[in-house]
N, C-alpha and C. Protein backbone atom coordinates (compact mmCIF):
# COMPACT_ATOMS: atom_id res chain seq x y z
N PRO A 1 93.96 -0.12 169.93
CA PRO A 1 94.81 -0.27 171.10
C PRO A 1 94.48 -1.52 171.90
N GLY A 2 93.19 -1.84 172.09
CA GLY A 2 92.80 -3.01 172.87
C GLY A 2 93.22 -4.30 172.21
N ARG A 3 93.14 -4.34 170.89
CA ARG A 3 93.53 -5.55 170.17
C ARG A 3 95.02 -5.81 170.31
N ALA A 4 95.82 -4.75 170.35
CA ALA A 4 97.27 -4.90 170.47
C ALA A 4 97.65 -5.49 171.82
N ARG A 5 96.85 -5.22 172.86
CA ARG A 5 97.15 -5.72 174.20
C ARG A 5 96.55 -7.10 174.45
N ARG A 6 95.83 -7.61 173.50
CA ARG A 6 95.15 -8.89 173.65
C ARG A 6 96.17 -10.02 173.76
N PRO A 7 96.04 -10.85 174.79
CA PRO A 7 96.98 -11.97 174.93
C PRO A 7 96.76 -12.99 173.81
N ALA A 8 97.80 -13.72 173.53
CA ALA A 8 97.71 -14.75 172.51
C ALA A 8 96.74 -15.84 172.99
N LEU A 9 95.75 -16.09 172.19
CA LEU A 9 94.75 -17.11 172.51
C LEU A 9 94.57 -18.02 171.30
N PRO A 10 94.07 -19.21 171.52
CA PRO A 10 93.85 -20.09 170.38
C PRO A 10 92.71 -19.57 169.48
N ALA A 11 91.81 -18.78 170.00
CA ALA A 11 90.71 -18.25 169.18
C ALA A 11 91.19 -17.06 168.35
N ARG A 12 90.70 -16.96 167.14
CA ARG A 12 91.11 -15.85 166.28
C ARG A 12 90.27 -14.61 166.59
N ALA A 13 90.84 -13.47 166.34
CA ALA A 13 90.14 -12.20 166.48
C ALA A 13 89.78 -11.71 165.10
N VAL A 14 88.57 -11.20 164.96
CA VAL A 14 88.11 -10.71 163.66
C VAL A 14 87.83 -9.22 163.81
N ASP A 15 88.44 -8.44 162.94
CA ASP A 15 88.23 -7.00 162.94
C ASP A 15 87.10 -6.69 161.96
N ALA A 16 85.92 -6.34 162.51
CA ALA A 16 84.75 -6.10 161.67
C ALA A 16 83.82 -5.14 162.39
N VAL A 17 82.81 -4.68 161.69
CA VAL A 17 81.77 -3.84 162.30
C VAL A 17 80.45 -4.60 162.26
N ALA A 18 79.57 -4.28 163.18
CA ALA A 18 78.32 -5.02 163.31
C ALA A 18 77.49 -5.01 162.03
N GLY A 19 77.50 -3.93 161.29
CA GLY A 19 76.69 -3.82 160.08
C GLY A 19 77.22 -4.58 158.89
N ASP A 20 78.40 -5.20 159.00
CA ASP A 20 79.00 -5.92 157.89
C ASP A 20 79.84 -7.06 158.45
N LEU A 21 79.17 -8.10 158.92
CA LEU A 21 79.87 -9.22 159.54
C LEU A 21 80.40 -10.18 158.48
N PRO A 22 81.66 -10.57 158.60
CA PRO A 22 82.30 -11.42 157.58
C PRO A 22 82.03 -12.91 157.80
N TYR A 23 80.76 -13.27 157.94
CA TYR A 23 80.38 -14.66 158.20
C TYR A 23 79.27 -15.07 157.25
N ALA A 24 79.16 -16.36 157.05
CA ALA A 24 78.11 -16.90 156.18
C ALA A 24 76.76 -16.86 156.89
N ASP A 25 75.71 -16.91 156.11
CA ASP A 25 74.36 -16.98 156.67
C ASP A 25 74.26 -18.18 157.60
N GLY A 26 73.70 -17.97 158.79
CA GLY A 26 73.46 -19.06 159.73
C GLY A 26 74.70 -19.75 160.26
N GLU A 27 75.83 -19.08 160.25
CA GLU A 27 77.09 -19.70 160.68
C GLU A 27 77.13 -19.99 162.19
N PHE A 28 76.36 -19.26 162.97
CA PHE A 28 76.42 -19.40 164.43
C PHE A 28 75.11 -19.95 164.99
N ASP A 29 75.24 -20.71 166.08
CA ASP A 29 74.06 -21.24 166.76
C ASP A 29 73.33 -20.13 167.50
N ALA A 30 74.07 -19.19 168.06
CA ALA A 30 73.49 -18.08 168.83
C ALA A 30 74.47 -16.91 168.78
N SER A 31 73.96 -15.72 169.07
CA SER A 31 74.84 -14.55 169.15
C SER A 31 74.27 -13.58 170.17
N MET A 32 75.15 -12.71 170.66
CA MET A 32 74.69 -11.72 171.62
C MET A 32 75.56 -10.47 171.54
N THR A 33 74.96 -9.38 171.97
CA THR A 33 75.69 -8.13 172.12
C THR A 33 75.29 -7.54 173.45
N LEU A 34 76.26 -7.07 174.18
CA LEU A 34 76.02 -6.63 175.54
C LEU A 34 76.26 -5.13 175.71
N PHE A 35 75.17 -4.40 175.87
CA PHE A 35 75.21 -3.01 176.30
C PHE A 35 76.05 -2.12 175.39
N ASP A 36 75.94 -2.33 174.07
CA ASP A 36 76.75 -1.50 173.18
C ASP A 36 76.04 -1.05 171.91
N VAL A 37 74.81 -1.49 171.64
CA VAL A 37 74.16 -1.10 170.39
C VAL A 37 74.02 0.42 170.25
N HIS A 38 73.95 1.13 171.37
CA HIS A 38 73.82 2.59 171.31
C HIS A 38 75.08 3.26 170.77
N GLN A 39 76.15 2.50 170.63
CA GLN A 39 77.39 3.06 170.10
C GLN A 39 77.62 2.68 168.63
N TRP A 40 76.74 1.88 168.06
CA TRP A 40 76.87 1.46 166.67
C TRP A 40 76.43 2.58 165.75
N SER A 41 77.09 2.71 164.60
CA SER A 41 76.71 3.75 163.65
C SER A 41 75.38 3.45 162.97
N ASP A 42 75.04 2.17 162.79
CA ASP A 42 73.77 1.79 162.19
C ASP A 42 73.24 0.57 162.94
N VAL A 43 72.42 0.83 163.95
CA VAL A 43 71.92 -0.23 164.82
C VAL A 43 71.11 -1.25 164.03
N ALA A 44 70.20 -0.77 163.20
CA ALA A 44 69.34 -1.70 162.45
C ALA A 44 70.18 -2.62 161.57
N ALA A 45 71.17 -2.08 160.87
CA ALA A 45 72.01 -2.90 160.01
C ALA A 45 72.79 -3.92 160.83
N GLY A 46 73.31 -3.51 161.96
CA GLY A 46 74.06 -4.44 162.81
C GLY A 46 73.20 -5.58 163.33
N LEU A 47 71.99 -5.27 163.74
CA LEU A 47 71.10 -6.32 164.25
C LEU A 47 70.62 -7.23 163.12
N ARG A 48 70.36 -6.66 161.95
CA ARG A 48 69.99 -7.51 160.80
C ARG A 48 71.14 -8.46 160.46
N GLU A 49 72.37 -7.99 160.55
CA GLU A 49 73.53 -8.85 160.30
C GLU A 49 73.63 -9.95 161.36
N MET A 50 73.40 -9.59 162.62
CA MET A 50 73.42 -10.62 163.67
C MET A 50 72.37 -11.69 163.36
N ARG A 51 71.19 -11.26 162.97
CA ARG A 51 70.11 -12.20 162.64
C ARG A 51 70.52 -13.06 161.44
N ARG A 52 71.14 -12.47 160.43
CA ARG A 52 71.55 -13.19 159.23
C ARG A 52 72.54 -14.31 159.54
N VAL A 53 73.53 -14.04 160.39
CA VAL A 53 74.59 -15.02 160.64
C VAL A 53 74.25 -16.01 161.76
N THR A 54 73.04 -15.87 162.34
CA THR A 54 72.68 -16.68 163.51
C THR A 54 71.47 -17.56 163.22
N ARG A 55 71.64 -18.87 163.40
CA ARG A 55 70.54 -19.82 163.21
C ARG A 55 69.53 -19.75 164.34
N GLY A 56 70.01 -19.57 165.55
CA GLY A 56 69.15 -19.62 166.72
C GLY A 56 68.91 -18.24 167.31
N PRO A 57 68.91 -18.17 168.64
CA PRO A 57 68.57 -16.91 169.29
C PRO A 57 69.66 -15.84 169.15
N VAL A 58 69.19 -14.61 169.06
CA VAL A 58 70.04 -13.43 169.14
C VAL A 58 69.63 -12.71 170.41
N VAL A 59 70.59 -12.38 171.25
CA VAL A 59 70.31 -11.74 172.53
C VAL A 59 70.98 -10.37 172.57
N VAL A 60 70.22 -9.38 172.99
CA VAL A 60 70.71 -8.00 173.06
C VAL A 60 70.44 -7.47 174.46
N LEU A 61 71.50 -7.07 175.15
CA LEU A 61 71.37 -6.37 176.43
C LEU A 61 71.48 -4.89 176.13
N ALA A 62 70.46 -4.14 176.49
CA ALA A 62 70.42 -2.71 176.15
C ALA A 62 69.63 -1.97 177.22
N ARG A 63 69.43 -0.69 176.97
CA ARG A 63 68.61 0.13 177.86
C ARG A 63 67.35 0.56 177.11
N ALA A 64 66.24 0.56 177.81
CA ALA A 64 64.99 1.07 177.25
C ALA A 64 64.99 2.58 177.48
N PRO A 65 65.15 3.37 176.42
CA PRO A 65 65.30 4.82 176.61
C PRO A 65 64.12 5.47 177.29
N GLU A 66 62.94 4.90 177.13
CA GLU A 66 61.77 5.49 177.78
C GLU A 66 61.78 5.33 179.30
N LEU A 67 62.65 4.47 179.81
CA LEU A 67 62.76 4.26 181.25
C LEU A 67 63.98 4.93 181.87
N VAL A 68 64.90 5.39 181.06
CA VAL A 68 66.16 5.96 181.55
C VAL A 68 65.91 7.14 182.49
N ARG A 69 64.97 7.99 182.16
CA ARG A 69 64.75 9.24 182.92
C ARG A 69 64.13 8.99 184.30
N ASP A 70 63.70 7.76 184.59
CA ASP A 70 63.05 7.46 185.87
C ASP A 70 64.03 7.29 187.02
N PHE A 71 65.30 7.29 186.75
CA PHE A 71 66.33 7.05 187.75
C PHE A 71 66.56 8.29 188.62
N TRP A 72 66.93 8.12 189.88
CA TRP A 72 67.11 9.24 190.82
C TRP A 72 68.13 10.26 190.33
N LEU A 73 69.06 9.85 189.49
CA LEU A 73 70.07 10.76 188.98
C LEU A 73 69.44 11.98 188.29
N GLY A 74 68.24 11.81 187.78
CA GLY A 74 67.53 12.90 187.12
C GLY A 74 67.29 14.09 188.03
N ALA A 75 67.25 13.88 189.33
CA ALA A 75 67.07 14.98 190.27
C ALA A 75 68.34 15.81 190.41
N TYR A 76 69.47 15.28 189.96
CA TYR A 76 70.77 15.94 190.13
C TYR A 76 71.46 16.29 188.81
N ALA A 77 71.29 15.46 187.82
CA ALA A 77 71.93 15.69 186.51
C ALA A 77 71.00 15.20 185.41
N PRO A 78 69.86 15.88 185.23
CA PRO A 78 68.92 15.42 184.19
C PRO A 78 69.55 15.42 182.80
N GLU A 79 70.54 16.25 182.58
CA GLU A 79 71.21 16.30 181.28
C GLU A 79 71.88 14.97 180.93
N VAL A 80 72.39 14.29 181.94
CA VAL A 80 73.03 13.00 181.72
C VAL A 80 71.99 11.97 181.27
N LEU A 81 70.85 11.96 181.94
CA LEU A 81 69.82 11.00 181.57
C LEU A 81 69.19 11.34 180.23
N GLU A 82 69.06 12.62 179.93
CA GLU A 82 68.56 13.01 178.61
C GLU A 82 69.52 12.54 177.52
N THR A 83 70.80 12.68 177.77
CA THR A 83 71.81 12.20 176.82
C THR A 83 71.68 10.70 176.63
N GLU A 84 71.56 9.97 177.73
CA GLU A 84 71.42 8.51 177.65
C GLU A 84 70.16 8.13 176.87
N ALA A 85 69.05 8.78 177.18
CA ALA A 85 67.79 8.44 176.52
C ALA A 85 67.87 8.68 175.01
N ARG A 86 68.56 9.73 174.61
CA ARG A 86 68.70 10.02 173.17
C ARG A 86 69.63 9.04 172.47
N ARG A 87 70.61 8.53 173.17
CA ARG A 87 71.61 7.66 172.55
C ARG A 87 71.12 6.23 172.34
N HIS A 88 70.20 5.79 173.16
CA HIS A 88 69.75 4.39 173.09
C HIS A 88 68.55 4.26 172.16
N PRO A 89 68.61 3.29 171.24
CA PRO A 89 67.49 3.11 170.32
C PRO A 89 66.27 2.53 171.05
N PRO A 90 65.08 2.91 170.62
CA PRO A 90 63.88 2.33 171.24
C PRO A 90 63.88 0.80 171.12
N VAL A 91 63.37 0.14 172.13
CA VAL A 91 63.33 -1.32 172.15
C VAL A 91 62.54 -1.84 170.96
N ARG A 92 61.48 -1.16 170.57
CA ARG A 92 60.68 -1.61 169.41
C ARG A 92 61.55 -1.63 168.14
N ASP A 93 62.52 -0.73 168.03
CA ASP A 93 63.43 -0.73 166.88
C ASP A 93 64.36 -1.94 166.92
N LEU A 94 64.78 -2.32 168.13
CA LEU A 94 65.64 -3.50 168.26
C LEU A 94 64.89 -4.75 167.82
N THR A 95 63.67 -4.91 168.33
CA THR A 95 62.91 -6.11 167.96
C THR A 95 62.55 -6.11 166.48
N ALA A 96 62.24 -4.94 165.93
CA ALA A 96 61.91 -4.86 164.50
C ALA A 96 63.10 -5.27 163.64
N ALA A 97 64.30 -4.81 163.99
CA ALA A 97 65.49 -5.14 163.21
C ALA A 97 65.83 -6.63 163.31
N LEU A 98 65.37 -7.26 164.38
CA LEU A 98 65.62 -8.69 164.57
C LEU A 98 64.48 -9.54 164.01
N GLY A 99 63.58 -8.92 163.28
CA GLY A 99 62.50 -9.66 162.65
C GLY A 99 61.18 -9.59 163.40
N GLY A 100 61.12 -8.76 164.43
CA GLY A 100 59.87 -8.60 165.15
C GLY A 100 59.50 -9.75 166.06
N THR A 101 60.43 -10.65 166.31
CA THR A 101 60.13 -11.84 167.11
C THR A 101 60.71 -11.76 168.51
N GLY A 102 61.10 -10.57 168.93
CA GLY A 102 61.81 -10.44 170.20
C GLY A 102 60.91 -10.54 171.42
N ARG A 103 61.47 -11.12 172.45
CA ARG A 103 60.83 -11.14 173.77
C ARG A 103 61.68 -10.24 174.65
N VAL A 104 61.06 -9.31 175.34
CA VAL A 104 61.78 -8.32 176.13
C VAL A 104 61.51 -8.56 177.61
N ARG A 105 62.59 -8.57 178.37
CA ARG A 105 62.47 -8.74 179.83
C ARG A 105 63.33 -7.70 180.53
N ALA A 106 62.83 -7.19 181.63
CA ALA A 106 63.63 -6.30 182.47
C ALA A 106 64.76 -7.11 183.09
N VAL A 107 65.90 -6.48 183.26
CA VAL A 107 67.05 -7.13 183.88
C VAL A 107 67.25 -6.49 185.25
N PRO A 108 67.03 -7.23 186.32
CA PRO A 108 67.25 -6.67 187.65
C PRO A 108 68.74 -6.41 187.88
N ILE A 109 69.03 -5.26 188.42
CA ILE A 109 70.41 -4.85 188.68
C ILE A 109 70.68 -5.10 190.16
N PRO A 110 71.69 -5.91 190.51
CA PRO A 110 71.97 -6.18 191.91
C PRO A 110 72.62 -4.98 192.60
N LEU A 111 72.37 -4.86 193.88
CA LEU A 111 72.90 -3.75 194.68
C LEU A 111 74.42 -3.65 194.59
N ASP A 112 75.10 -4.77 194.47
CA ASP A 112 76.57 -4.76 194.41
C ASP A 112 77.10 -4.83 192.97
N CYS A 113 76.28 -4.44 192.01
CA CYS A 113 76.70 -4.47 190.59
C CYS A 113 77.99 -3.65 190.42
N THR A 114 78.92 -4.20 189.68
CA THR A 114 80.20 -3.52 189.46
C THR A 114 80.37 -3.04 188.03
N ASP A 115 79.32 -3.10 187.22
CA ASP A 115 79.45 -2.76 185.80
C ASP A 115 79.88 -1.33 185.57
N GLY A 116 79.34 -0.37 186.29
CA GLY A 116 79.79 1.01 186.16
C GLY A 116 78.82 1.93 185.46
N PHE A 117 77.72 1.44 184.90
CA PHE A 117 76.75 2.38 184.34
C PHE A 117 75.96 3.00 185.49
N ASP A 118 75.34 4.14 185.26
CA ASP A 118 74.79 4.93 186.37
C ASP A 118 73.81 4.16 187.26
N GLU A 119 72.92 3.35 186.70
CA GLU A 119 71.96 2.63 187.53
C GLU A 119 72.62 1.56 188.41
N ALA A 120 73.85 1.19 188.11
CA ALA A 120 74.56 0.22 188.95
C ALA A 120 74.77 0.78 190.36
N TYR A 121 74.67 2.08 190.49
CA TYR A 121 74.87 2.74 191.79
C TYR A 121 73.55 3.22 192.39
N TYR A 122 72.47 2.55 192.05
CA TYR A 122 71.15 2.98 192.50
C TYR A 122 71.06 3.11 194.02
N GLY A 123 71.72 2.26 194.75
CA GLY A 123 71.67 2.32 196.21
C GLY A 123 72.99 2.76 196.84
N ARG A 124 73.92 3.21 196.02
CA ARG A 124 75.24 3.64 196.49
C ARG A 124 75.60 4.96 195.81
N PRO A 125 74.85 6.02 196.10
CA PRO A 125 75.06 7.28 195.37
C PRO A 125 76.45 7.87 195.56
N GLU A 126 77.07 7.59 196.67
CA GLU A 126 78.42 8.11 196.93
C GLU A 126 79.41 7.68 195.85
N MET A 127 79.17 6.52 195.27
CA MET A 127 80.07 6.02 194.23
C MET A 127 80.13 6.97 193.04
N LEU A 128 79.01 7.60 192.70
CA LEU A 128 78.98 8.49 191.54
C LEU A 128 79.67 9.83 191.81
N LEU A 129 80.09 10.06 193.04
CA LEU A 129 80.89 11.24 193.32
C LEU A 129 82.34 11.05 192.88
N ASP A 130 82.71 9.82 192.64
CA ASP A 130 84.05 9.50 192.15
C ASP A 130 84.09 9.72 190.64
N PRO A 131 84.90 10.66 190.16
CA PRO A 131 84.97 10.90 188.71
C PRO A 131 85.31 9.64 187.90
N ALA A 132 86.08 8.74 188.47
CA ALA A 132 86.41 7.50 187.76
C ALA A 132 85.16 6.64 187.56
N ALA A 133 84.28 6.61 188.54
CA ALA A 133 83.03 5.85 188.39
C ALA A 133 82.15 6.49 187.33
N ARG A 134 82.10 7.80 187.30
CA ARG A 134 81.30 8.49 186.27
C ARG A 134 81.90 8.28 184.89
N GLN A 135 83.21 8.19 184.81
CA GLN A 135 83.86 8.01 183.52
C GLN A 135 83.47 6.69 182.87
N ALA A 136 83.10 5.71 183.67
CA ALA A 136 82.69 4.41 183.13
C ALA A 136 81.36 4.51 182.38
N CYS A 137 80.61 5.55 182.62
CA CYS A 137 79.33 5.78 181.94
C CYS A 137 79.55 6.89 180.91
N SER A 138 79.54 6.53 179.65
CA SER A 138 79.94 7.48 178.61
C SER A 138 79.06 8.72 178.50
N ALA A 139 77.84 8.68 178.98
CA ALA A 139 76.96 9.86 178.89
C ALA A 139 77.56 11.07 179.59
N TRP A 140 78.33 10.83 180.65
CA TRP A 140 78.96 11.95 181.37
C TRP A 140 79.95 12.71 180.48
N SER A 141 80.50 12.05 179.48
CA SER A 141 81.45 12.73 178.60
C SER A 141 80.76 13.64 177.60
N PHE A 142 79.44 13.55 177.50
CA PHE A 142 78.69 14.38 176.57
C PHE A 142 78.09 15.62 177.23
N VAL A 143 78.33 15.80 178.51
CA VAL A 143 77.83 16.99 179.21
C VAL A 143 79.02 17.85 179.64
N GLY A 144 78.76 19.12 179.88
CA GLY A 144 79.82 20.05 180.24
C GLY A 144 80.25 19.96 181.69
N ASP A 145 81.35 20.62 181.99
CA ASP A 145 81.87 20.66 183.35
C ASP A 145 80.85 21.22 184.33
N GLU A 146 80.06 22.19 183.88
CA GLU A 146 79.09 22.80 184.79
C GLU A 146 78.06 21.78 185.26
N VAL A 147 77.69 20.82 184.42
CA VAL A 147 76.74 19.77 184.82
C VAL A 147 77.39 18.87 185.86
N ARG A 148 78.63 18.46 185.61
CA ARG A 148 79.34 17.60 186.56
C ARG A 148 79.55 18.32 187.89
N GLU A 149 79.92 19.59 187.84
CA GLU A 149 80.13 20.36 189.08
C GLU A 149 78.83 20.55 189.86
N HIS A 150 77.75 20.85 189.15
CA HIS A 150 76.45 21.00 189.81
C HIS A 150 76.04 19.68 190.46
N PHE A 151 76.20 18.57 189.73
CA PHE A 151 75.87 17.26 190.26
C PHE A 151 76.66 16.99 191.54
N ASP A 152 77.97 17.18 191.46
CA ASP A 152 78.85 16.91 192.59
C ASP A 152 78.45 17.75 193.81
N ARG A 153 78.23 19.02 193.59
CA ARG A 153 77.88 19.94 194.68
C ARG A 153 76.53 19.59 195.31
N THR A 154 75.52 19.38 194.49
CA THR A 154 74.18 19.14 195.04
C THR A 154 74.04 17.76 195.66
N LEU A 155 74.66 16.74 195.06
CA LEU A 155 74.59 15.40 195.66
C LEU A 155 75.34 15.39 196.99
N ARG A 156 76.53 15.99 197.04
CA ARG A 156 77.27 16.05 198.31
C ARG A 156 76.44 16.75 199.39
N ARG A 157 75.82 17.84 199.01
CA ARG A 157 74.98 18.59 199.96
C ARG A 157 73.83 17.72 200.47
N ASP A 158 73.14 17.04 199.55
CA ASP A 158 71.99 16.23 199.95
C ASP A 158 72.39 14.98 200.73
N LEU A 159 73.54 14.43 200.44
CA LEU A 159 74.01 13.29 201.24
C LEU A 159 74.37 13.75 202.65
N ALA A 160 75.04 14.89 202.76
CA ALA A 160 75.43 15.41 204.08
C ALA A 160 74.21 15.79 204.91
N SER A 161 73.20 16.36 204.28
CA SER A 161 72.01 16.80 205.02
C SER A 161 71.01 15.68 205.27
N GLY A 162 71.16 14.58 204.58
CA GLY A 162 70.20 13.47 204.68
C GLY A 162 69.05 13.58 203.69
N ALA A 163 69.04 14.61 202.87
CA ALA A 163 67.94 14.80 201.91
C ALA A 163 67.87 13.66 200.90
N TRP A 164 69.03 13.19 200.43
CA TRP A 164 69.01 12.08 199.47
C TRP A 164 68.39 10.86 200.13
N ASP A 165 68.80 10.57 201.36
CA ASP A 165 68.28 9.38 202.04
C ASP A 165 66.79 9.50 202.34
N ARG A 166 66.33 10.68 202.66
CA ARG A 166 64.89 10.84 202.91
C ARG A 166 64.09 10.56 201.63
N ARG A 167 64.63 10.94 200.50
CA ARG A 167 63.92 10.79 199.24
C ARG A 167 64.16 9.43 198.57
N PHE A 168 65.40 8.97 198.60
CA PHE A 168 65.76 7.76 197.86
C PHE A 168 66.41 6.68 198.72
N GLY A 169 66.53 6.89 200.01
CA GLY A 169 67.27 5.99 200.89
C GLY A 169 66.78 4.55 200.90
N HIS A 170 65.51 4.34 200.57
CA HIS A 170 64.99 2.97 200.53
C HIS A 170 65.77 2.11 199.53
N LEU A 171 66.40 2.76 198.54
CA LEU A 171 67.17 2.01 197.54
C LEU A 171 68.43 1.38 198.12
N ARG A 172 68.91 1.91 199.23
CA ARG A 172 70.15 1.38 199.83
C ARG A 172 70.00 -0.07 200.29
N THR A 173 68.78 -0.49 200.56
CA THR A 173 68.56 -1.85 201.05
C THR A 173 67.81 -2.73 200.06
N GLU A 174 67.50 -2.21 198.90
CA GLU A 174 66.84 -3.01 197.87
C GLU A 174 67.87 -3.95 197.25
N PRO A 175 67.65 -5.26 197.30
CA PRO A 175 68.65 -6.19 196.75
C PRO A 175 68.82 -6.05 195.24
N VAL A 176 67.77 -5.63 194.54
CA VAL A 176 67.85 -5.41 193.10
C VAL A 176 67.04 -4.18 192.74
N TYR A 177 67.37 -3.63 191.59
CA TYR A 177 66.67 -2.46 191.05
C TYR A 177 66.27 -2.77 189.62
N GLU A 178 65.00 -2.57 189.31
CA GLU A 178 64.55 -2.72 187.93
C GLU A 178 64.44 -1.34 187.34
N GLY A 179 65.43 -1.02 186.53
CA GLY A 179 65.49 0.28 185.89
C GLY A 179 65.27 0.15 184.40
N SER A 180 66.20 0.68 183.63
CA SER A 180 66.05 0.71 182.17
C SER A 180 66.76 -0.43 181.45
N LEU A 181 67.45 -1.30 182.17
CA LEU A 181 68.19 -2.38 181.55
C LEU A 181 67.22 -3.49 181.10
N VAL A 182 67.31 -3.87 179.82
CA VAL A 182 66.42 -4.89 179.28
C VAL A 182 67.23 -5.92 178.48
N LEU A 183 66.66 -7.10 178.38
CA LEU A 183 67.23 -8.17 177.58
C LEU A 183 66.22 -8.49 176.49
N VAL A 184 66.66 -8.36 175.25
CA VAL A 184 65.82 -8.69 174.10
C VAL A 184 66.34 -10.02 173.57
N ARG A 185 65.45 -10.98 173.46
CA ARG A 185 65.81 -12.31 172.94
C ARG A 185 64.95 -12.58 171.73
N ALA A 186 65.59 -12.72 170.59
CA ALA A 186 64.86 -12.95 169.34
C ALA A 186 65.20 -14.34 168.80
N ILE A 187 64.16 -15.07 168.45
CA ILE A 187 64.30 -16.40 167.88
C ILE A 187 63.73 -16.35 166.46
N PRO A 188 64.44 -16.95 165.51
CA PRO A 188 63.94 -16.89 164.12
C PRO A 188 62.60 -17.62 163.95
């Protein structure tokens, strides 16, 4: 559906999957994938293919699953964070698939981030009360209505009573948040 709505551009579109890229070895100077390896059917194969077709750096924006559970959302919907942690491959697997040469850096998330994943709302919890905002984070689609209803009810209660602010309110003024978002940069 997305390809059909794509405007006519001078660049060609290639219909392929990460694990089987239709390009020659070393065809690209650099390549990157942004926040999507957790949705690939074979992450290792996809990253090996990226490495194969890329002469220079390969960059991967992903989440470190071991850090996902540290977010305040765990106090309200731990099932969502458990789902996220299970879906994201360990960072060591990403670097291994890229040849073991990866450098990993935390990616600070700005307070006004508009991306839509749960940590983007670290200092704006009210945003996650909007079902449309939650829909942007696919982990919410893997939990039942009872989890979403419990989250909505308890977060609303804690925001109204000030309990959220007493516990996590310092995040409202933090210009950036270092959560589970990481950048892996691999050079051959």
